[in-house]
Every structure is written in structure tokens, then in C-alpha cells.
Amino acid sequence: MADFDQELDASGLNCPLPILRAKKALSAMQSGQILHVIATDPGSVKDFDAFAKQTGNQLMESKEEGGKFHFLIKKS
């Protein structure tokens, strides 16, 4: 897992809450900073993929590990 600037644990939250929390966290971050999101909702995989495309932020990593989904999003 690459280095990141901020971590958001959205475990136990269902769509669209992980995305909304990530959007809020990213809005407070500087361009180029990286947000690490942890989620347990399987739907979050496609959600974060779509979120990155819509917002122009870069989804650097998306992986599943032990039932949790990890996303690294670089703020554009």
C-alpha cells in the first residue's frame, strides 16, 4: 500500500455514504494529496471507480483484503 495523507474508515457504511464521506474528506485536502478509504460495501468498488471518473480525481489503487475494500484516491 502506497503512502497516503489521510485515512477514511467507512467500514459498515452502505452506498452512498462511503462516497459522500470521501467527497467531504477530499474537499478539505490539497491537490496531489492521497486519501485512503476503507469500506466494507462490495458496491463501493464500482462506486469509487465511477466517482473518480466523474470528479477527475485519480483512483490509484482498488483492492480487496480480508473482506474490506481499500481505495487510494489522489486529489486532482
PDB file of N, CA and C in Angstrom:
ATOM      1  N   MET A   1       0.862  -1.194   0.000  1.00  0.00           N
ATOM      2  CA  MET A   1       0.000   0.000   0.000  1.00  0.00           C
ATOM      3  C   MET A   1       0.897   1.242   0.000  1.00  0.00           C
ATOM      4  N   ALA A   2       0.610   2.129  -0.915  1.00  0.00           N
ATOM      5  CA  ALA A   2       1.407   3.356  -1.045  1.00  0.00           C
ATOM      6  C   ALA A   2       1.165   4.292   0.142  1.00  0.00           C
ATOM      7  N   ASP A   3       1.985   5.285   0.241  1.00  0.00           N
ATOM      8  CA  ASP A   3       1.797   6.292   1.282  1.00  0.00           C
ATOM      9  C   ASP A   3       0.534   7.090   0.998  1.00  0.00           C
ATOM     10  N   PHE A   4      -0.083   7.588   2.048  1.00  0.00           N
ATOM     11  CA  PHE A   4      -1.266   8.422   1.874  1.00  0.00           C
ATOM     12  C   PHE A   4      -1.256   9.521   2.919  1.00  0.00           C
ATOM     13  N   ASP A   5      -2.050  10.568   2.672  1.00  0.00           N
ATOM     14  CA  ASP A   5      -2.072  11.728   3.553  1.00  0.00           C
ATOM     15  C   ASP A   5      -3.184  11.668   4.592  1.00  0.00           C
ATOM     16  N   GLN A   6      -4.262  10.996   4.231  1.00  0.00           N
ATOM     17  CA  GLN A   6      -5.404  10.937   5.142  1.00  0.00           C
ATOM     18  C   GLN A   6      -6.114   9.603   4.965  1.00  0.00           C
ATOM     19  N   GLU A   7      -6.685   9.102   6.065  1.00  0.00           N
ATOM     20  CA  GLU A   7      -7.400   7.829   6.004  1.00  0.00           C
ATOM     21  C   GLU A   7      -8.847   8.038   6.408  1.00  0.00           C
ATOM     22  N   LEU A   8      -9.721   7.371   5.680  1.00  0.00           N
ATOM     23  CA  LEU A   8     -11.150   7.430   5.965  1.00  0.00           C
ATOM     24  C   LEU A   8     -11.653   6.003   6.118  1.00  0.00           C
ATOM     25  N   ASP A   9     -12.141   5.673   7.301  1.00  0.00           N
ATOM     26  CA  ASP A   9     -12.681   4.339   7.537  1.00  0.00           C
ATOM     27  C   ASP A   9     -14.196   4.388   7.399  1.00  0.00           C
ATOM     28  N   ALA A  10     -14.686   3.850   6.283  1.00  0.00           N
ATOM     29  CA  ALA A  10     -16.124   3.847   6.011  1.00  0.00           C
ATOM     30  C   ALA A  10     -16.700   2.441   6.189  1.00  0.00           C
ATOM     31  N   SER A  11     -16.026   1.627   6.993  1.00  0.00           N
ATOM     32  CA  SER A  11     -16.485   0.255   7.249  1.00  0.00           C
ATOM     33  C   SER A  11     -17.881   0.278   7.857  1.00  0.00           C
ATOM     34  N   GLY A  12     -18.724  -0.637   7.381  1.00  0.00           N
ATOM     35  CA  GLY A  12     -20.070  -0.749   7.921  1.00  0.00           C
ATOM     36  C   GLY A  12     -21.059   0.225   7.304  1.00  0.00           C
ATOM     37  N   LEU A  13     -20.571   1.143   6.488  1.00  0.00           N
ATOM     38  CA  LEU A  13     -21.460   2.105   5.840  1.00  0.00           C
ATOM     39  C   LEU A  13     -21.840   1.602   4.456  1.00  0.00           C
ATOM     40  N   ASN A  14     -23.100   1.791   4.100  1.00  0.00           N
ATOM     41  CA  ASN A  14     -23.551   1.378   2.783  1.00  0.00           C
ATOM     42  C   ASN A  14     -23.621   2.563   1.844  1.00  0.00           C
ATOM     43  N   CYS A  15     -23.606   2.245   0.563  1.00  0.00           N
ATOM     44  CA  CYS A  15     -23.733   3.227  -0.501  1.00  0.00           C
ATOM     45  C   CYS A  15     -24.935   4.135  -0.206  1.00  0.00           C
ATOM     46  N   PRO A  16     -24.873   5.433  -0.381  1.00  0.00           N
ATOM     47  CA  PRO A  16     -23.734   6.188  -0.932  1.00  0.00           C
ATOM     48  C   PRO A  16     -22.838   6.818   0.131  1.00  0.00           C
ATOM     49  N   LEU A  17     -22.977   6.415   1.383  1.00  0.00           N
ATOM     50  CA  LEU A  17     -22.214   7.064   2.453  1.00  0.00           C
ATOM     51  C   LEU A  17     -20.690   7.050   2.284  1.00  0.00           C
ATOM     52  N   PRO A  18     -20.072   5.917   1.889  1.00  0.00           N
ATOM     53  CA  PRO A  18     -18.604   5.964   1.714  1.00  0.00           C
ATOM     54  C   PRO A  18     -18.173   7.029   0.700  1.00  0.00           C
ATOM     55  N   ILE A  19     -18.940   7.160  -0.393  1.00  0.00           N
ATOM     56  CA  ILE A  19     -18.623   8.155  -1.420  1.00  0.00           C
ATOM     57  C   ILE A  19     -18.802   9.572  -0.869  1.00  0.00           C
ATOM     58  N   LEU A  20     -19.896   9.792  -0.161  1.00  0.00           N
ATOM     59  CA  LEU A  20     -20.165  11.127   0.395  1.00  0.00           C
ATOM     60  C   LEU A  20     -19.088  11.531   1.391  1.00  0.00           C
ATOM     61  N   ARG A  21     -18.677  10.591   2.230  1.00  0.00           N
ATOM     62  CA  ARG A  21     -17.619  10.881   3.217  1.00  0.00           C
ATOM     63  C   ARG A  21     -16.288  11.160   2.508  1.00  0.00           C
ATOM     64  N   ALA A  22     -16.019  10.382   1.461  1.00  0.00           N
ATOM     65  CA  ALA A  22     -14.770  10.571   0.713  1.00  0.00           C
ATOM     66  C   ALA A  22     -14.776  11.932   0.026  1.00  0.00           C
ATOM     67  N   LYS A  23     -15.930  12.310  -0.527  1.00  0.00           N
ATOM     68  CA  LYS A  23     -16.060  13.595  -1.209  1.00  0.00           C
ATOM     69  C   LYS A  23     -15.775  14.737  -0.234  1.00  0.00           C
ATOM     70  N   LYS A  24     -16.320  14.619   0.974  1.00  0.00           N
ATOM     71  CA  LYS A  24     -16.133  15.632   2.011  1.00  0.00           C
ATOM     72  C   LYS A  24     -14.654  15.702   2.436  1.00  0.00           C
ATOM     73  N   ALA A  25     -14.042  14.529   2.625  1.00  0.00           N
ATOM     74  CA  ALA A  25     -12.632  14.480   3.036  1.00  0.00           C
ATOM     75  C   ALA A  25     -11.739  15.089   1.957  1.00  0.00           C
ATOM     76  N   LEU A  26     -12.003  14.744   0.694  1.00  0.00           N
ATOM     77  CA  LEU A  26     -11.192  15.250  -0.412  1.00  0.00           C
ATOM     78  C   LEU A  26     -11.321  16.764  -0.569  1.00  0.00           C
ATOM     79  N   SER A  27     -12.500  17.291  -0.282  1.00  0.00           N
ATOM     80  CA  SER A  27     -12.712  18.729  -0.445  1.00  0.00           C
ATOM     81  C   SER A  27     -11.831  19.537   0.509  1.00  0.00           C
ATOM     82  N   ALA A  28     -11.435  18.925   1.618  1.00  0.00           N
ATOM     83  CA  ALA A  28     -10.593  19.613   2.597  1.00  0.00           C
ATOM     84  C   ALA A  28      -9.099  19.375   2.353  1.00  0.00           C
ATOM     85  N   MET A  29      -8.801  18.546   1.350  1.00  0.00           N
ATOM     86  CA  MET A  29      -7.407  18.195   1.076  1.00  0.00           C
ATOM     87  C   MET A  29      -6.819  19.037  -0.055  1.00  0.00           C
ATOM     88  N   GLN A  30      -5.488  19.052  -0.120  1.00  0.00           N
ATOM     89  CA  GLN A  30      -4.783  19.792  -1.164  1.00  0.00           C
ATOM     90  C   GLN A  30      -4.674  18.926  -2.419  1.00  0.00           C
ATOM     91  N   SER A  31      -4.563  19.580  -3.551  1.00  0.00           N
ATOM     92  CA  SER A  31      -4.363  18.876  -4.815  1.00  0.00           C
ATOM     93  C   SER A  31      -3.085  18.045  -4.726  1.00  0.00           C
ATOM     94  N   GLY A  32      -3.162  16.796  -5.180  1.00  0.00           N
ATOM     95  CA  GLY A  32      -1.995  15.911  -5.149  1.00  0.00           C
ATOM     96  C   GLY A  32      -1.919  15.045  -3.902  1.00  0.00           C
ATOM     97  N   GLN A  33      -2.733  15.362  -2.885  1.00  0.00           N
ATOM     98  CA  GLN A  33      -2.739  14.541  -1.680  1.00  0.00           C
ATOM     99  C   GLN A  33      -3.548  13.267  -1.925  1.00  0.00           C
ATOM    100  N   ILE A  34      -3.277  12.255  -1.125  1.00  0.00           N
ATOM    101  CA  ILE A  34      -3.896  10.949  -1.325  1.00  0.00           C
ATOM    102  C   ILE A  34      -4.755  10.550  -0.136  1.00  0.00           C
ATOM    103  N   LEU A  35      -5.966  10.126  -0.451  1.00  0.00           N
ATOM    104  CA  LEU A  35      -6.915   9.671   0.566  1.00  0.00           C
ATOM    105  C   LEU A  35      -7.026   8.155   0.484  1.00  0.00           C
ATOM    106  N   HIS A  36      -6.856   7.504   1.627  1.00  0.00           N
ATOM    107  CA  HIS A  36      -7.017   6.050   1.713  1.00  0.00           C
ATOM    108  C   HIS A  36      -8.395   5.782   2.314  1.00  0.00           C
ATOM    109  N   VAL A  37      -9.252   5.110   1.550  1.00  0.00           N
ATOM    110  CA  VAL A  37     -10.594   4.804   2.026  1.00  0.00           C
ATOM    111  C   VAL A  37     -10.710   3.311   2.275  1.00  0.00           C
ATOM    112  N   ILE A  38     -11.282   2.953   3.428  1.00  0.00           N
ATOM    113  CA  ILE A  38     -11.559   1.555   3.762  1.00  0.00           C
ATOM    114  C   ILE A  38     -13.073   1.409   3.794  1.00  0.00           C
ATOM    115  N   ALA A  39     -13.597   0.440   3.041  1.00  0.00           N
ATOM    116  CA  ALA A  39     -15.041   0.231   3.005  1.00  0.00           C
ATOM    117  C   ALA A  39     -15.349  -1.263   3.068  1.00  0.00           C
ATOM    118  N   THR A  40     -16.561  -1.585   3.479  1.00  0.00           N
ATOM    119  CA  THR A  40     -16.967  -2.993   3.539  1.00  0.00           C
ATOM    120  C   THR A  40     -18.093  -3.287   2.551  1.00  0.00           C
ATOM    121  N   ASP A  41     -18.648  -2.257   1.937  1.00  0.00           N
ATOM    122  CA  ASP A  41     -19.726  -2.426   0.975  1.00  0.00           C
ATOM    123  C   ASP A  41     -19.145  -2.856  -0.382  1.00  0.00           C
ATOM    124  N   PRO A  42     -19.488  -4.081  -0.863  1.00  0.00           N
ATOM    125  CA  PRO A  42     -18.951  -4.552  -2.149  1.00  0.00           C
ATOM    126  C   PRO A  42     -19.286  -3.613  -3.310  1.00  0.00           C
ATOM    127  N   GLY A  43     -20.399  -2.902  -3.207  1.00  0.00           N
ATOM    128  CA  GLY A  43     -20.796  -1.966  -4.248  1.00  0.00           C
ATOM    129  C   GLY A  43     -19.859  -0.774  -4.361  1.00  0.00           C
ATOM    130  N   SER A  44     -19.052  -0.570  -3.323  1.00  0.00           N
ATOM    131  CA  SER A  44     -18.164   0.598  -3.326  1.00  0.00           C
ATOM    132  C   SER A  44     -17.086   0.497  -4.401  1.00  0.00           C
ATOM    133  N   VAL A  45     -16.784  -0.724  -4.860  1.00  0.00           N
ATOM    134  CA  VAL A  45     -15.757  -0.893  -5.899  1.00  0.00           C
ATOM    135  C   VAL A  45     -16.156  -0.134  -7.159  1.00  0.00           C
ATOM    136  N   LYS A  46     -17.353  -0.407  -7.672  1.00  0.00           N
ATOM    137  CA  LYS A  46     -17.790   0.307  -8.871  1.00  0.00           C
ATOM    138  C   LYS A  46     -18.139   1.757  -8.565  1.00  0.00           C
ATOM    139  N   ASP A  47     -18.599   2.010  -7.348  1.00  0.00           N
ATOM    140  CA  ASP A  47     -18.933   3.386  -6.956  1.00  0.00           C
ATOM    141  C   ASP A  47     -17.710   4.295  -6.999  1.00  0.00           C
ATOM    142  N   PHE A  48     -16.590   3.826  -6.419  1.00  0.00           N
ATOM    143  CA  PHE A  48     -15.386   4.655  -6.388  1.00  0.00           C
ATOM    144  C   PHE A  48     -14.770   4.801  -7.770  1.00  0.00           C
ATOM    145  N   ASP A  49     -14.941   3.772  -8.602  1.00  0.00           N
ATOM    146  CA  ASP A  49     -14.467   3.833  -9.982  1.00  0.00           C
ATOM    147  C   ASP A  49     -15.223   4.946 -10.716  1.00  0.00           C
ATOM    148  N   ALA A  50     -16.542   4.952 -10.570  1.00  0.00           N
ATOM    149  CA  ALA A  50     -17.384   5.968 -11.213  1.00  0.00           C
ATOM    150  C   ALA A  50     -17.118   7.348 -10.617  1.00  0.00           C
ATOM    151  N   PHE A  51     -16.953   7.390  -9.288  1.00  0.00           N
ATOM    152  CA  PHE A  51     -16.687   8.647  -8.577  1.00  0.00           C
ATOM    153  C   PHE A  51     -15.417   9.309  -9.116  1.00  0.00           C
ATOM    154  N   ALA A  52     -14.365   8.507  -9.297  1.00  0.00           N
ATOM    155  CA  ALA A  52     -13.092   9.038  -9.798  1.00  0.00           C
ATOM    156  C   ALA A  52     -13.261   9.601 -11.208  1.00  0.00           C
ATOM    157  N   LYS A  53     -13.978   8.868 -12.059  1.00  0.00           N
ATOM    158  CA  LYS A  53     -14.199   9.331 -13.433  1.00  0.00           C
ATOM    159  C   LYS A  53     -15.002  10.636 -13.453  1.00  0.00           C
ATOM    160  N   GLN A  54     -16.029  10.709 -12.619  1.00  0.00           N
ATOM    161  CA  GLN A  54     -16.900  11.891 -12.595  1.00  0.00           C
ATOM    162  C   GLN A  54     -16.207  13.118 -12.027  1.00  0.00           C
ATOM    163  N   THR A  55     -15.368  12.925 -11.017  1.00  0.00           N
ATOM    164  CA  THR A  55     -14.759  14.063 -10.328  1.00  0.00           C
ATOM    165  C   THR A  55     -13.385  14.437 -10.862  1.00  0.00           C
ATOM    166  N   GLY A  56     -12.786  13.552 -11.659  1.00  0.00           N
ATOM    167  CA  GLY A  56     -11.453  13.830 -12.189  1.00  0.00           C
ATOM    168  C   GLY A  56     -10.341  13.496 -11.216  1.00  0.00           C
ATOM    169  N   ASN A  57     -10.708  12.961 -10.041  1.00  0.00           N
ATOM    170  CA  ASN A  57      -9.681  12.510  -9.102  1.00  0.00           C
ATOM    171  C   ASN A  57      -9.173  11.154  -9.592  1.00  0.00           C
ATOM    172  N   GLN A  58      -7.954  10.816  -9.222  1.00  0.00           N
ATOM    173  CA  GLN A  58      -7.345   9.584  -9.723  1.00  0.00           C
ATOM    174  C   GLN A  58      -7.483   8.441  -8.727  1.00  0.00           C
ATOM    175  N   LEU A  59      -8.101   7.349  -9.174  1.00  0.00           N
ATOM    176  CA  LEU A  59      -8.195   6.143  -8.348  1.00  0.00           C
ATOM    177  C   LEU A  59      -6.903   5.367  -8.599  1.00  0.00           C
ATOM    178  N   MET A  60      -5.965   5.488  -7.666  1.00  0.00           N
ATOM    179  CA  MET A  60      -4.644   4.899  -7.845  1.00  0.00           C
ATOM    180  C   MET A  60      -4.617   3.414  -7.539  1.00  0.00           C
ATOM    181  N   GLU A  61      -5.447   3.016  -6.602  1.00  0.00           N
ATOM    182  CA  GLU A  61      -5.452   1.611  -6.192  1.00  0.00           C
ATOM    183  C   GLU A  61      -6.835   1.230  -5.696  1.00  0.00           C
ATOM    184  N   SER A  62      -7.229   0.007  -6.003  1.00  0.00           N
ATOM    185  CA  SER A  62      -8.505  -0.521  -5.552  1.00  0.00           C
ATOM    186  C   SER A  62      -8.292  -2.002  -5.314  1.00  0.00           C
ATOM    187  N   LYS A  63      -8.382  -2.412  -4.049  1.00  0.00           N
ATOM    188  CA  LYS A  63      -8.156  -3.836  -3.772  1.00  0.00           C
ATOM    189  C   LYS A  63      -9.011  -4.317  -2.616  1.00  0.00           C
ATOM    190  N   GLU A  64      -9.213  -5.630  -2.589  1.00  0.00           N
ATOM    191  CA  GLU A  64      -9.998  -6.244  -1.527  1.00  0.00           C
ATOM    192  C   GLU A  64      -9.054  -7.089  -0.687  1.00  0.00           C
ATOM    193  N   GLU A  65      -9.202  -6.964   0.618  1.00  0.00           N
ATOM    194  CA  GLU A  65      -8.317  -7.693   1.531  1.00  0.00           C
ATOM    195  C   GLU A  65      -9.096  -8.060   2.781  1.00  0.00           C
ATOM    196  N   GLY A  66      -9.303  -9.343   2.991  1.00  0.00           N
ATOM    197  CA  GLY A  66      -9.991  -9.803   4.196  1.00  0.00           C
ATOM    198  C   GLY A  66     -11.390  -9.231   4.364  1.00  0.00           C
ATOM    199  N   GLY A  67     -12.119  -9.114   3.251  1.00  0.00           N
ATOM    200  CA  GLY A  67     -13.490  -8.628   3.332  1.00  0.00           C
ATOM    201  C   GLY A  67     -13.623  -7.117   3.386  1.00  0.00           C
ATOM    202  N   LYS A  68     -12.481  -6.444   3.339  1.00  0.00           N
ATOM    203  CA  LYS A  68     -12.515  -4.977   3.320  1.00  0.00           C
ATOM    204  C   LYS A  68     -11.949  -4.496   1.989  1.00  0.00           C
ATOM    205  N   PHE A  69     -12.494  -3.386   1.527  1.00  0.00           N
ATOM    206  CA  PHE A  69     -12.057  -2.813   0.261  1.00  0.00           C
ATOM    207  C   PHE A  69     -11.235  -1.562   0.542  1.00  0.00           C
ATOM    208  N   HIS A  70     -10.095  -1.483  -0.110  1.00  0.00           N
ATOM    209  CA  HIS A  70      -9.173  -0.365   0.091  1.00  0.00           C
ATOM    210  C   HIS A  70      -9.043   0.418  -1.199  1.00  0.00           C
ATOM    211  N   PHE A  71      -9.162   1.742  -1.082  1.00  0.00           N
ATOM    212  CA  PHE A  71      -9.043   2.610  -2.248  1.00  0.00           C
ATOM    213  C   PHE A  71      -8.059   3.730  -1.946  1.00  0.00           C
ATOM    214  N   LEU A  72      -7.212   4.016  -2.921  1.00  0.00           N
ATOM    215  CA  LEU A  72      -6.313   5.156  -2.806  1.00  0.00           C
ATOM    216  C   LEU A  72      -6.750   6.152  -3.878  1.00  0.00           C
ATOM    217  N   ILE A  73      -7.176   7.331  -3.437  1.00  0.00           N
ATOM    218  CA  ILE A  73      -7.653   8.343  -4.358  1.00  0.00           C
ATOM    219  C   ILE A  73      -6.764   9.582  -4.251  1.00  0.00           C
ATOM    220  N   LYS A  74      -6.220   9.962  -5.394  1.00  0.00           N
ATOM    221  CA  LYS A  74      -5.357  11.152  -5.443  1.00  0.00           C
ATOM    222  C   LYS A  74      -6.205  12.340  -5.885  1.00  0.00           C
ATOM    223  N   LYS A  75      -6.205  13.371  -5.062  1.00  0.00           N
ATOM    224  CA  LYS A  75      -6.985  14.558  -5.407  1.00  0.00           C
ATOM    225  C   LYS A  75      -6.379  15.271  -6.598  1.00  0.00           C
ATOM    226  N   SER A  76      -7.230  15.605  -7.569  1.00  0.00           N
ATOM    227  CA  SER A  76      -6.742  16.267  -8.781  1.00  0.00           C
ATOM    228  C   SER A  76      -6.467  17.739  -8.542  1.00  0.00           C
TER     229      SER A  76
END
